[in-house]
PDB file of N, CA and C in Angstrom:
ATOM      1  N   MET A   1      20.139  -2.285 -13.451  1.00  0.00           N
ATOM      2  CA  MET A   1      19.474  -3.549 -13.912  1.00  0.00           C
ATOM      3  C   MET A   1      19.766  -4.401 -12.828  1.00  0.00           C
ATOM      4  N   ALA A   2      21.132  -4.396 -12.101  1.00  0.00           N
ATOM      5  CA  ALA A   2      21.383  -5.676 -11.286  1.00  0.00           C
ATOM      6  C   ALA A   2      21.147  -5.183  -9.785  1.00  0.00           C
ATOM      7  N   GLU A   3      20.933  -3.968  -9.676  1.00  0.00           N
ATOM      8  CA  GLU A   3      20.524  -3.337  -8.179  1.00  0.00           C
ATOM      9  C   GLU A   3      19.022  -4.109  -8.339  1.00  0.00           C
ATOM     10  N   SER A   4      18.068  -3.875  -9.139  1.00  0.00           N
ATOM     11  CA  SER A   4      16.568  -4.457  -9.112  1.00  0.00           C
ATOM     12  C   SER A   4      16.691  -5.716  -8.600  1.00  0.00           C
ATOM     13  N   ILE A   5      17.623  -6.546  -9.514  1.00  0.00           N
ATOM     14  CA  ILE A   5      17.847  -7.811  -9.516  1.00  0.00           C
ATOM     15  C   ILE A   5      17.865  -8.453  -8.004  1.00  0.00           C
ATOM     16  N   ALA A   6      18.812  -7.704  -7.420  1.00  0.00           N
ATOM     17  CA  ALA A   6      19.339  -7.866  -5.702  1.00  0.00           C
ATOM     18  C   ALA A   6      18.159  -7.537  -4.913  1.00  0.00           C
ATOM     19  N   PHE A   7      17.520  -6.467  -4.916  1.00  0.00           N
ATOM     20  CA  PHE A   7      16.558  -6.110  -4.516  1.00  0.00           C
ATOM     21  C   PHE A   7      15.479  -6.968  -4.644  1.00  0.00           C
ATOM     22  N   GLU A   8      15.080  -7.535  -5.809  1.00  0.00           N
ATOM     23  CA  GLU A   8      13.852  -8.571  -5.696  1.00  0.00           C
ATOM     24  C   GLU A   8      14.198  -9.804  -5.064  1.00  0.00           C
ATOM     25  N   MET A   9      15.829 -10.411  -5.182  1.00  0.00           N
ATOM     26  CA  MET A   9      16.057 -11.450  -4.670  1.00  0.00           C
ATOM     27  C   MET A   9      15.561 -11.253  -2.854  1.00  0.00           C
ATOM     28  N   ALA A  10      16.146 -10.149  -2.404  1.00  0.00           N
ATOM     29  CA  ALA A  10      15.997  -9.904  -1.132  1.00  0.00           C
ATOM     30  C   ALA A  10      14.592 -10.076  -0.597  1.00  0.00           C
ATOM     31  N   ALA A  11      13.829  -9.470  -1.491  1.00  0.00           N
ATOM     32  CA  ALA A  11      12.289  -9.105  -1.147  1.00  0.00           C
ATOM     33  C   ALA A  11      11.817 -10.832  -1.202  1.00  0.00           C
ATOM     34  N   LYS A  12      11.972 -11.471  -2.133  1.00  0.00           N
ATOM     35  CA  LYS A  12      11.641 -12.932  -2.157  1.00  0.00           C
ATOM     36  C   LYS A  12      12.160 -13.602  -1.087  1.00  0.00           C
ATOM     37  N   VAL A  13      13.516 -13.571  -0.388  1.00  0.00           N
ATOM     38  CA  VAL A  13      14.202 -14.307   0.716  1.00  0.00           C
ATOM     39  C   VAL A  13      13.043 -13.932   1.799  1.00  0.00           C
ATOM     40  N   SER A  14      12.982 -12.663   1.981  1.00  0.00           N
ATOM     41  CA  SER A  14      12.481 -11.952   3.105  1.00  0.00           C
ATOM     42  C   SER A  14      11.007 -12.615   3.321  1.00  0.00           C
ATOM     43  N   GLU A  15      10.311 -12.619   2.081  1.00  0.00           N
ATOM     44  CA  GLU A  15       8.956 -13.631   2.298  1.00  0.00           C
ATOM     45  C   GLU A  15       8.988 -14.779   2.864  1.00  0.00           C
ATOM     46  N   LYS A  16       9.885 -15.418   2.011  1.00  0.00           N
ATOM     47  CA  LYS A  16      10.053 -16.591   2.197  1.00  0.00           C
ATOM     48  C   LYS A  16      10.275 -17.227   4.055  1.00  0.00           C
ATOM     49  N   LEU A  17      11.152 -16.306   4.387  1.00  0.00           N
ATOM     50  CA  LEU A  17      11.622 -16.464   5.858  1.00  0.00           C
ATOM     51  C   LEU A  17      10.269 -16.047   6.832  1.00  0.00           C
ATOM     52  N   GLY A  18       9.443 -15.482   6.521  1.00  0.00           N
ATOM     53  CA  GLY A  18       8.112 -14.948   7.005  1.00  0.00           C
ATOM     54  C   GLY A  18       7.182 -16.042   7.311  1.00  0.00           C
ATOM     55  N   SER A  19       7.168 -16.968   6.033  1.00  0.00           N
ATOM     56  CA  SER A  19       6.214 -18.185   5.934  1.00  0.00           C
ATOM     57  C   SER A  19       5.934 -18.855   6.966  1.00  0.00           C
ATOM     58  N   ALA A  20       4.759 -19.262   7.215  1.00  0.00           N
ATOM     59  CA  ALA A  20       4.389 -20.271   8.604  1.00  0.00           C
ATOM     60  C   ALA A  20       5.311 -21.510   8.627  1.00  0.00           C
ATOM     61  N   ALA A  21       5.530 -21.951   7.231  1.00  0.00           N
ATOM     62  CA  ALA A  21       6.572 -23.354   6.916  1.00  0.00           C
ATOM     63  C   ALA A  21       7.807 -22.907   7.568  1.00  0.00           C
ATOM     64  N   TYR A  22       8.363 -21.995   7.243  1.00  0.00           N
ATOM     65  CA  TYR A  22       9.590 -21.232   7.781  1.00  0.00           C
ATOM     66  C   TYR A  22       9.469 -21.259   9.570  1.00  0.00           C
ATOM     67  N   GLU A  23       8.385 -20.598  10.028  1.00  0.00           N
ATOM     68  CA  GLU A  23       8.452 -20.455  11.061  1.00  0.00           C
ATOM     69  C   GLU A  23       8.593 -21.771  12.039  1.00  0.00           C
ATOM     70  N   ARG A  24       7.797 -22.574  11.540  1.00  0.00           N
ATOM     71  CA  ARG A  24       7.722 -23.948  12.208  1.00  0.00           C
ATOM     72  C   ARG A  24       9.070 -24.672  12.327  1.00  0.00           C
ATOM     73  N   ILE A  25       9.586 -24.556  10.887  1.00  0.00           N
ATOM     74  CA  ILE A  25      10.894 -25.318  10.586  1.00  0.00           C
ATOM     75  C   ILE A  25      11.996 -24.685  11.575  1.00  0.00           C
ATOM     76  N   SER A  26      11.965 -23.286  11.753  1.00  0.00           N
ATOM     77  CA  SER A  26      13.114 -22.631  12.602  1.00  0.00           C
ATOM     78  C   SER A  26      12.816 -23.066  14.057  1.00  0.00           C
ATOM     79  N   LEU A  27      11.673 -23.364  14.730  1.00  0.00           N
ATOM     80  CA  LEU A  27      11.576 -23.673  16.026  1.00  0.00           C
ATOM     81  C   LEU A  27      11.836 -25.095  16.101  1.00  0.00           C
ATOM     82  N   ALA A  28      11.537 -25.970  14.841  1.00  0.00           N
ATOM     83  CA  ALA A  28      11.933 -27.486  15.419  1.00  0.00           C
ATOM     84  C   ALA A  28      13.670 -27.468  15.398  1.00  0.00           C
ATOM     85  N   TRP A  29      14.118 -26.835  14.460  1.00  0.00           N
ATOM     86  CA  TRP A  29      15.881 -26.997  14.369  1.00  0.00           C
ATOM     87  C   TRP A  29      16.293 -25.803  15.246  1.00  0.00           C
ATOM     88  N   GLY A  30      15.542 -25.102  15.959  1.00  0.00           N
ATOM     89  CA  GLY A  30      16.357 -24.239  17.097  1.00  0.00           C
ATOM     90  C   GLY A  30      17.176 -23.081  16.566  1.00  0.00           C
ATOM     91  N   VAL A  31      16.710 -22.570  15.198  1.00  0.00           N
ATOM     92  CA  VAL A  31      17.368 -21.557  14.340  1.00  0.00           C
ATOM     93  C   VAL A  31      16.827 -20.344  14.344  1.00  0.00           C
ATOM     94  N   ARG A  32      15.798 -20.049  15.388  1.00  0.00           N
ATOM     95  CA  ARG A  32      14.660 -19.141  15.079  1.00  0.00           C
ATOM     96  C   ARG A  32      15.594 -17.712  15.227  1.00  0.00           C
ATOM     97  N   GLU A  33      16.313 -17.505  15.873  1.00  0.00           N
ATOM     98  CA  GLU A  33      17.452 -16.252  16.565  1.00  0.00           C
ATOM     99  C   GLU A  33      18.087 -16.076  14.980  1.00  0.00           C
ATOM    100  N   GLU A  34      18.494 -17.251  14.345  1.00  0.00           N
ATOM    101  CA  GLU A  34      19.605 -16.911  13.592  1.00  0.00           C
ATOM    102  C   GLU A  34      18.683 -16.341  12.261  1.00  0.00           C
ATOM    103  N   LEU A  35      17.469 -16.756  12.089  1.00  0.00           N
ATOM    104  CA  LEU A  35      16.464 -16.644  11.082  1.00  0.00           C
ATOM    105  C   LEU A  35      16.037 -14.906  11.326  1.00  0.00           C
ATOM    106  N   GLU A  36      15.945 -14.657  12.477  1.00  0.00           N
ATOM    107  CA  GLU A  36      15.493 -13.227  12.749  1.00  0.00           C
ATOM    108  C   GLU A  36      16.697 -12.439  12.434  1.00  0.00           C
ATOM    109  N   LYS A  37      18.073 -12.952  12.882  1.00  0.00           N
ATOM    110  CA  LYS A  37      19.116 -11.860  12.489  1.00  0.00           C
ATOM    111  C   LYS A  37      18.988 -11.564  10.851  1.00  0.00           C
ATOM    112  N   LEU A  38      18.936 -12.917  10.064  1.00  0.00           N
ATOM    113  CA  LEU A  38      19.147 -12.792   9.122  1.00  0.00           C
ATOM    114  C   LEU A  38      17.880 -11.773   7.925  1.00  0.00           C
ATOM    115  N   LYS A  39      16.737 -11.882   8.653  1.00  0.00           N
ATOM    116  CA  LYS A  39      15.739 -11.047   8.159  1.00  0.00           C
ATOM    117  C   LYS A  39      15.942  -9.783   8.435  1.00  0.00           C
ATOM    118  N   GLN A  40      16.445  -9.440   9.467  1.00  0.00           N
ATOM    119  CA  GLN A  40      16.829  -7.859   9.827  1.00  0.00           C
ATOM    120  C   GLN A  40      17.913  -7.688   9.029  1.00  0.00           C
ATOM    121  N   THR A  41      19.067  -8.306   8.914  1.00  0.00           N
ATOM    122  CA  THR A  41      20.030  -7.659   7.796  1.00  0.00           C
ATOM    123  C   THR A  41      19.551  -7.744   6.357  1.00  0.00           C
ATOM    124  N   LEU A  42      18.774  -8.664   6.047  1.00  0.00           N
ATOM    125  CA  LEU A  42      18.069  -8.429   4.585  1.00  0.00           C
ATOM    126  C   LEU A  42      17.372  -7.127   4.467  1.00  0.00           C
ATOM    127  N   ALA A  43      16.523  -6.902   5.676  1.00  0.00           N
ATOM    128  CA  ALA A  43      15.539  -5.812   5.394  1.00  0.00           C
ATOM    129  C   ALA A  43      16.731  -4.401   5.634  1.00  0.00           C
ATOM    130  N   VAL A  44      17.784  -4.301   6.103  1.00  0.00           N
ATOM    131  CA  VAL A  44      18.695  -3.150   6.175  1.00  0.00           C
ATOM    132  C   VAL A  44      19.299  -3.404   5.012  1.00  0.00           C
ATOM    133  N   ASN A  45      19.434  -4.362   4.356  1.00  0.00           N
ATOM    134  CA  ASN A  45      20.359  -4.137   2.859  1.00  0.00           C
ATOM    135  C   ASN A  45      19.516  -3.797   1.961  1.00  0.00           C
ATOM    136  N   ARG A  46      18.030  -4.082   2.048  1.00  0.00           N
ATOM    137  CA  ARG A  46      17.213  -3.642   1.181  1.00  0.00           C
ATOM    138  C   ARG A  46      17.030  -2.376   1.163  1.00  0.00           C
ATOM    139  N   ALA A  47      17.003  -1.574   2.444  1.00  0.00           N
ATOM    140  CA  ALA A  47      16.938  -0.256   2.637  1.00  0.00           C
ATOM    141  C   ALA A  47      17.766   0.603   1.996  1.00  0.00           C
ATOM    142  N   VAL A  48      19.027  -0.032   2.054  1.00  0.00           N
ATOM    143  CA  VAL A  48      20.203   0.605   1.811  1.00  0.00           C
ATOM    144  C   VAL A  48      20.209   0.628   0.125  1.00  0.00           C
ATOM    145  N   VAL A  49      20.181  -0.496  -0.551  1.00  0.00           N
ATOM    146  CA  VAL A  49      19.710  -0.406  -1.854  1.00  0.00           C
ATOM    147  C   VAL A  49      18.820   0.218  -2.449  1.00  0.00           C
ATOM    148  N   LEU A  50      17.597   0.376  -1.918  1.00  0.00           N
ATOM    149  CA  LEU A  50      16.646   1.379  -2.019  1.00  0.00           C
ATOM    150  C   LEU A  50      17.046   2.826  -2.268  1.00  0.00           C
ATOM    151  N   TYR A  51      17.678   2.866  -1.028  1.00  0.00           N
ATOM    152  CA  TYR A  51      18.001   4.395  -0.912  1.00  0.00           C
ATOM    153  C   TYR A  51      19.057   4.966  -2.080  1.00  0.00           C
ATOM    154  N   ALA A  52      19.989   3.906  -2.287  1.00  0.00           N
ATOM    155  CA  ALA A  52      21.221   4.372  -3.162  1.00  0.00           C
ATOM    156  C   ALA A  52      20.209   4.277  -4.436  1.00  0.00           C
ATOM    157  N   GLU A  53      19.478   3.604  -4.884  1.00  0.00           N
ATOM    158  CA  GLU A  53      18.728   3.677  -6.214  1.00  0.00           C
ATOM    159  C   GLU A  53      18.066   5.163  -6.370  1.00  0.00           C
ATOM    160  N   GLN A  54      17.423   5.487  -5.398  1.00  0.00           N
ATOM    161  CA  GLN A  54      16.993   6.776  -5.318  1.00  0.00           C
ATOM    162  C   GLN A  54      17.732   8.028  -5.629  1.00  0.00           C
ATOM    163  N   GLN A  55      19.185   7.888  -4.820  1.00  0.00           N
ATOM    164  CA  GLN A  55      20.252   8.708  -5.102  1.00  0.00           C
ATOM    165  C   GLN A  55      20.750   8.786  -6.118  1.00  0.00           C
ATOM    166  N   GLN A  56      20.564   7.858  -6.793  1.00  0.00           N
ATOM    167  CA  GLN A  56      21.851   7.437  -7.974  1.00  0.00           C
ATOM    168  C   GLN A  56      21.747   8.644  -9.282  1.00  0.00           C
ATOM    169  N   ALA A  57      20.358   9.433  -9.209  1.00  0.00           N
ATOM    170  CA  ALA A  57      20.319  10.082 -10.500  1.00  0.00           C
ATOM    171  C   ALA A  57      21.054  11.616 -10.059  1.00  0.00           C
ATOM    172  N   ARG A  58      21.206  11.730  -8.750  1.00  0.00           N
ATOM    173  CA  ARG A  58      21.768  12.980  -8.411  1.00  0.00           C
ATOM    174  C   ARG A  58      23.492  12.487  -7.943  1.00  0.00           C
ATOM    175  N   ASN A  59      23.852  11.667  -7.838  1.00  0.00           N
ATOM    176  CA  ASN A  59      25.183  11.598  -7.612  1.00  0.00           C
ATOM    177  C   ASN A  59      26.028  10.220  -8.544  1.00  0.00           C
ATOM    178  N   HIS A  60      26.874  11.155  -9.233  1.00  0.00           N
ATOM    179  CA  HIS A  60      27.510  10.144 -10.154  1.00  0.00           C
ATOM    180  C   HIS A  60      28.379   8.955  -9.687  1.00  0.00           C
ATOM    181  N   GLU A  61      29.050   9.555  -8.477  1.00  0.00           N
ATOM    182  CA  GLU A  61      30.047   8.476  -7.715  1.00  0.00           C
ATOM    183  C   GLU A  61      28.874   7.327  -7.272  1.00  0.00           C
ATOM    184  N   LEU A  62      28.003   7.669  -6.841  1.00  0.00           N
ATOM    185  CA  LEU A  62      27.249   6.385  -6.412  1.00  0.00           C
ATOM    186  C   LEU A  62      26.529   5.667  -7.557  1.00  0.00           C
ATOM    187  N   THR A  63      26.310   6.282  -8.862  1.00  0.00           N
ATOM    188  CA  THR A  63      25.921   5.518  -9.965  1.00  0.00           C
ATOM    189  C   THR A  63      27.231   4.673 -10.271  1.00  0.00           C
ATOM    190  N   HIS A  64      28.274   4.878 -10.091  1.00  0.00           N
ATOM    191  CA  HIS A  64      29.406   4.078 -10.573  1.00  0.00           C
ATOM    192  C   HIS A  64      29.462   2.799  -9.403  1.00  0.00           C
ATOM    193  N   TRP A  65      29.262   3.210  -8.127  1.00  0.00           N
ATOM    194  CA  TRP A  65      29.365   2.263  -7.109  1.00  0.00           C
ATOM    195  C   TRP A  65      28.178   1.078  -7.158  1.00  0.00           C
ATOM    196  N   LEU A  66      27.078   1.423  -7.699  1.00  0.00           N
ATOM    197  CA  LEU A  66      25.977   0.499  -7.895  1.00  0.00           C
ATOM    198  C   LEU A  66      26.288  -0.260  -9.057  1.00  0.00           C
ATOM    199  N   CYS A  67      26.940   0.209 -10.024  1.00  0.00           N
ATOM    200  CA  CYS A  67      27.284  -0.544 -11.157  1.00  0.00           C
ATOM    201  C   CYS A  67      28.566  -1.750 -11.069  1.00  0.00           C
TER     202      CYS A  67
END
């Protein structure tokens, strides 16, 4: 359950960072590179959580790690 919440939160943050308003703000504040790094980090984290959730049924140690 907690994994799904974290996964959904990462998806929402990623969506927000991709919006036109955030693009304009990042340009105005000069933080575009930092926002791009954050988007990449969130994408990697999301992929790791998704993979772990898929593997959870076969690996009891992974189930313990996710909880």
